[in-house]
Amino acid sequence: MLQLTPQMRIYLAVQPVDFRCGIDGLARICRQTLDADPFSGVLFVFRNRRGTALKILIYDGQGFWLCMKRFSKGKLNWWPAHTDTVCHLTVSKLHILLWNGNPESVVIPADFRQVA
C-alpha cells in the first residue's frame, strides 16, 4: 500500500520518457538523467510524449512500485517548462496534478502553522 505523506520528496522528470520503459528502464533514467538514487524512497513522476499519461516509480524498502494513470479525456493541462531535468513537487501539488489540474495556479496553505 502506498501512502503519500507531506514529508515525501517528489521529483518530476521534466522531459517526457518512453512509456515502454518498465521499472528497470525508469530506474536507469533516475540514475543517469535525473542524477538521483531510485532506491532512496523518493517518488518519481514521469509523463509520456503526448502528455496523456503519467507513471510513478517509488521504492518502499522491499521493492519497487510502478503506478500509471492514463487520462480518459485530453492531455495534461500543466507540466513544468524548466530547463532543469527535474522539478520538485509537494504532495498537495501532486494530488492536483493527478486530477489534471495546474498546481502553480492554486494557492495551498502551508502544512504547518504555529499556534499563537
C-alpha atoms as a PDB file:
ATOM      1  CA  MET A   1       0.000   0.000   0.000  1.00  0.00           C
ATOM      2  CA  LEU A   2       1.321   3.435  -0.907  1.00  0.00           C
ATOM      3  CA  GLN A   3       0.808   6.371   1.388  1.00  0.00           C
ATOM      4  CA  LEU A   4       1.580   9.938   0.392  1.00  0.00           C
ATOM      5  CA  THR A   5       2.779  11.988   3.349  1.00  0.00           C
ATOM      6  CA  PRO A   6       3.681  15.695   3.491  1.00  0.00           C
ATOM      7  CA  GLN A   7       7.301  14.745   4.224  1.00  0.00           C
ATOM      8  CA  MET A   8       7.745  12.807   0.962  1.00  0.00           C
ATOM      9  CA  ARG A   9      10.173  14.062  -1.610  1.00  0.00           C
ATOM     10  CA  ILE A  10       8.667  14.112  -5.102  1.00  0.00           C
ATOM     11  CA  TYR A  11      10.738  14.562  -8.252  1.00  0.00           C
ATOM     12  CA  LEU A  12       9.038  15.356 -11.542  1.00  0.00           C
ATOM     13  CA  ALA A  13      11.064  14.387 -14.611  1.00  0.00           C
ATOM     14  CA  VAL A  14      10.645  17.426 -16.867  1.00  0.00           C
ATOM     15  CA  GLN A  15      11.435  15.656 -20.149  1.00  0.00           C
ATOM     16  CA  PRO A  16       8.934  13.059 -21.409  1.00  0.00           C
ATOM     17  CA  VAL A  17      10.003   9.408 -21.362  1.00  0.00           C
ATOM     18  CA  ASP A  18       9.289   6.360 -23.494  1.00  0.00           C
ATOM     19  CA  PHE A  19       6.410   4.602 -21.741  1.00  0.00           C
ATOM     20  CA  ARG A  20       7.584   1.225 -22.970  1.00  0.00           C
ATOM     21  CA  CYS A  21      10.083   1.521 -20.106  1.00  0.00           C
ATOM     22  CA  GLY A  22       9.276  -0.554 -17.065  1.00  0.00           C
ATOM     23  CA  ILE A  23      10.760  -0.433 -13.586  1.00  0.00           C
ATOM     24  CA  ASP A  24      14.339  -1.089 -14.707  1.00  0.00           C
ATOM     25  CA  GLY A  25      14.204   1.475 -17.523  1.00  0.00           C
ATOM     26  CA  LEU A  26      12.737   4.185 -15.293  1.00  0.00           C
ATOM     27  CA  ALA A  27      15.254   3.397 -12.524  1.00  0.00           C
ATOM     28  CA  ARG A  28      18.023   3.844 -15.108  1.00  0.00           C
ATOM     29  CA  ILE A  29      16.541   7.243 -16.086  1.00  0.00           C
ATOM     30  CA  CYS A  30      16.529   8.208 -12.387  1.00  0.00           C
ATOM     31  CA  ARG A  31      20.239   7.403 -12.087  1.00  0.00           C
ATOM     32  CA  GLN A  32      21.522   8.681 -15.432  1.00  0.00           C
ATOM     33  CA  THR A  33      19.263  11.612 -16.329  1.00  0.00           C
ATOM     34  CA  LEU A  34      17.878  12.849 -13.009  1.00  0.00           C
ATOM     35  CA  ASP A  35      21.099  12.097 -11.066  1.00  0.00           C
ATOM     36  CA  ALA A  36      19.052  10.531  -8.253  1.00  0.00           C
ATOM     37  CA  ASP A  37      19.102   7.191  -6.455  1.00  0.00           C
ATOM     38  CA  PRO A  38      15.961   5.183  -7.319  1.00  0.00           C
ATOM     39  CA  PHE A  39      16.371   3.262  -4.009  1.00  0.00           C
ATOM     40  CA  SER A  40      16.167   6.470  -1.919  1.00  0.00           C
ATOM     41  CA  GLY A  41      12.403   6.405  -1.318  1.00  0.00           C
ATOM     42  CA  VAL A  42      11.840   9.470  -3.500  1.00  0.00           C
ATOM     43  CA  LEU A  43       8.632   9.362  -5.540  1.00  0.00           C
ATOM     44  CA  PHE A  44       9.491   9.887  -9.224  1.00  0.00           C
ATOM     45  CA  VAL A  45       6.831  11.146 -11.666  1.00  0.00           C
ATOM     46  CA  PHE A  46       7.180  10.722 -15.439  1.00  0.00           C
ATOM     47  CA  ARG A  47       4.963  11.673 -18.388  1.00  0.00           C
ATOM     48  CA  ASN A  48       4.677  10.287 -21.888  1.00  0.00           C
ATOM     49  CA  ARG A  49       5.436  12.311 -25.021  1.00  0.00           C
ATOM     50  CA  ARG A  50       1.790  13.056 -25.833  1.00  0.00           C
ATOM     51  CA  GLY A  51       1.018  14.167 -22.277  1.00  0.00           C
ATOM     52  CA  THR A  52      -1.857  11.715 -21.927  1.00  0.00           C
ATOM     53  CA  ALA A  53      -0.412   9.578 -19.131  1.00  0.00           C
ATOM     54  CA  LEU A  54       1.756   9.627 -16.007  1.00  0.00           C
ATOM     55  CA  LYS A  55       3.915   6.962 -14.366  1.00  0.00           C
ATOM     56  CA  ILE A  56       5.054   6.989 -10.749  1.00  0.00           C
ATOM     57  CA  LEU A  57       8.048   4.981  -9.529  1.00  0.00           C
ATOM     58  CA  ILE A  58       8.889   4.546  -5.854  1.00  0.00           C
ATOM     59  CA  TYR A  59      10.965   2.120  -3.788  1.00  0.00           C
ATOM     60  CA  ASP A  60       9.399   1.156  -0.425  1.00  0.00           C
ATOM     61  CA  GLY A  61      12.333  -0.693   1.137  1.00  0.00           C
ATOM     62  CA  GLN A  62      11.299  -4.131  -0.145  1.00  0.00           C
ATOM     63  CA  GLY A  63      10.677  -3.485  -3.811  1.00  0.00           C
ATOM     64  CA  PHE A  64       9.571  -1.030  -6.456  1.00  0.00           C
ATOM     65  CA  TRP A  65       6.046   0.209  -7.084  1.00  0.00           C
ATOM     66  CA  LEU A  66       5.160   1.316 -10.603  1.00  0.00           C
ATOM     67  CA  CYS A  67       1.829   3.097 -10.995  1.00  0.00           C
ATOM     68  CA  MET A  68       0.332   4.525 -14.178  1.00  0.00           C
ATOM     69  CA  LYS A  69      -2.552   6.871 -14.867  1.00  0.00           C
ATOM     70  CA  ARG A  70      -3.902   7.413 -18.370  1.00  0.00           C
ATOM     71  CA  PHE A  71      -6.304  10.335 -18.675  1.00  0.00           C
ATOM     72  CA  SER A  72      -9.705   9.440 -20.117  1.00  0.00           C
ATOM     73  CA  LYS A  73     -10.067  12.759 -21.913  1.00  0.00           C
ATOM     74  CA  GLY A  74      -7.452  15.092 -23.275  1.00  0.00           C
ATOM     75  CA  LYS A  75      -3.931  15.788 -22.141  1.00  0.00           C
ATOM     76  CA  LEU A  76      -2.178  17.192 -19.115  1.00  0.00           C
ATOM     77  CA  ASN A  77      -3.167  20.807 -18.512  1.00  0.00           C
ATOM     78  CA  TRP A  78       0.163  21.624 -16.865  1.00  0.00           C
ATOM     79  CA  TRP A  79       3.750  20.441 -16.982  1.00  0.00           C
ATOM     80  CA  PRO A  80       6.819  22.425 -15.905  1.00  0.00           C
ATOM     81  CA  ALA A  81       8.735  24.238 -18.623  1.00  0.00           C
ATOM     82  CA  HIS A  82      12.003  24.219 -16.671  1.00  0.00           C
ATOM     83  CA  THR A  83      15.358  23.909 -18.341  1.00  0.00           C
ATOM     84  CA  ASP A  84      16.378  21.637 -15.461  1.00  0.00           C
ATOM     85  CA  THR A  85      15.902  17.883 -15.728  1.00  0.00           C
ATOM     86  CA  VAL A  86      13.895  17.639 -12.506  1.00  0.00           C
ATOM     87  CA  CYS A  87      11.254  19.720 -10.728  1.00  0.00           C
ATOM     88  CA  HIS A  88      10.349  19.260  -7.053  1.00  0.00           C
ATOM     89  CA  LEU A  89       6.689  18.961  -6.020  1.00  0.00           C
ATOM     90  CA  THR A  90       4.808  18.792  -2.734  1.00  0.00           C
ATOM     91  CA  VAL A  91       2.238  16.084  -2.068  1.00  0.00           C
ATOM     92  CA  SER A  92      -0.587  18.640  -2.323  1.00  0.00           C
ATOM     93  CA  LYS A  93       0.592  19.732  -5.756  1.00  0.00           C
ATOM     94  CA  LEU A  94       0.966  16.110  -6.879  1.00  0.00           C
ATOM     95  CA  HIS A  95      -2.677  15.486  -5.968  1.00  0.00           C
ATOM     96  CA  ILE A  96      -3.708  18.462  -8.099  1.00  0.00           C
ATOM     97  CA  LEU A  97      -1.565  17.227 -10.995  1.00  0.00           C
ATOM     98  CA  LEU A  98      -3.091  13.731 -10.763  1.00  0.00           C
ATOM     99  CA  TRP A  99      -6.543  15.325 -11.138  1.00  0.00           C
ATOM    100  CA  ASN A 100      -5.224  17.113 -14.259  1.00  0.00           C
ATOM    101  CA  GLY A 101      -5.118  20.497 -12.591  1.00  0.00           C
ATOM    102  CA  ASN A 102      -2.495  23.227 -12.607  1.00  0.00           C
ATOM    103  CA  PRO A 103      -0.534  23.122  -9.330  1.00  0.00           C
ATOM    104  CA  GLU A 104       1.005  26.550  -9.964  1.00  0.00           C
ATOM    105  CA  SER A 105      -2.361  28.327 -10.176  1.00  0.00           C
ATOM    106  CA  VAL A 106      -3.636  27.031  -6.823  1.00  0.00           C
ATOM    107  CA  VAL A 107      -2.786  28.658  -3.516  1.00  0.00           C
ATOM    108  CA  ILE A 108      -2.128  25.941  -0.947  1.00  0.00           C
ATOM    109  CA  PRO A 109      -1.698  26.843   2.725  1.00  0.00           C
ATOM    110  CA  ALA A 110       1.468  25.755   4.480  1.00  0.00           C
ATOM    111  CA  ASP A 111       1.449  22.272   6.020  1.00  0.00           C
ATOM    112  CA  PHE A 112       2.363  23.639   9.450  1.00  0.00           C
ATOM    113  CA  ARG A 113       1.254  26.779  11.257  1.00  0.00           C
ATOM    114  CA  GLN A 114       2.375  27.814  14.706  1.00  0.00           C
ATOM    115  CA  VAL A 115      -0.300  28.437  17.294  1.00  0.00           C
ATOM    116  CA  ALA A 116      -0.020  31.921  18.819  1.00  0.00           C
END
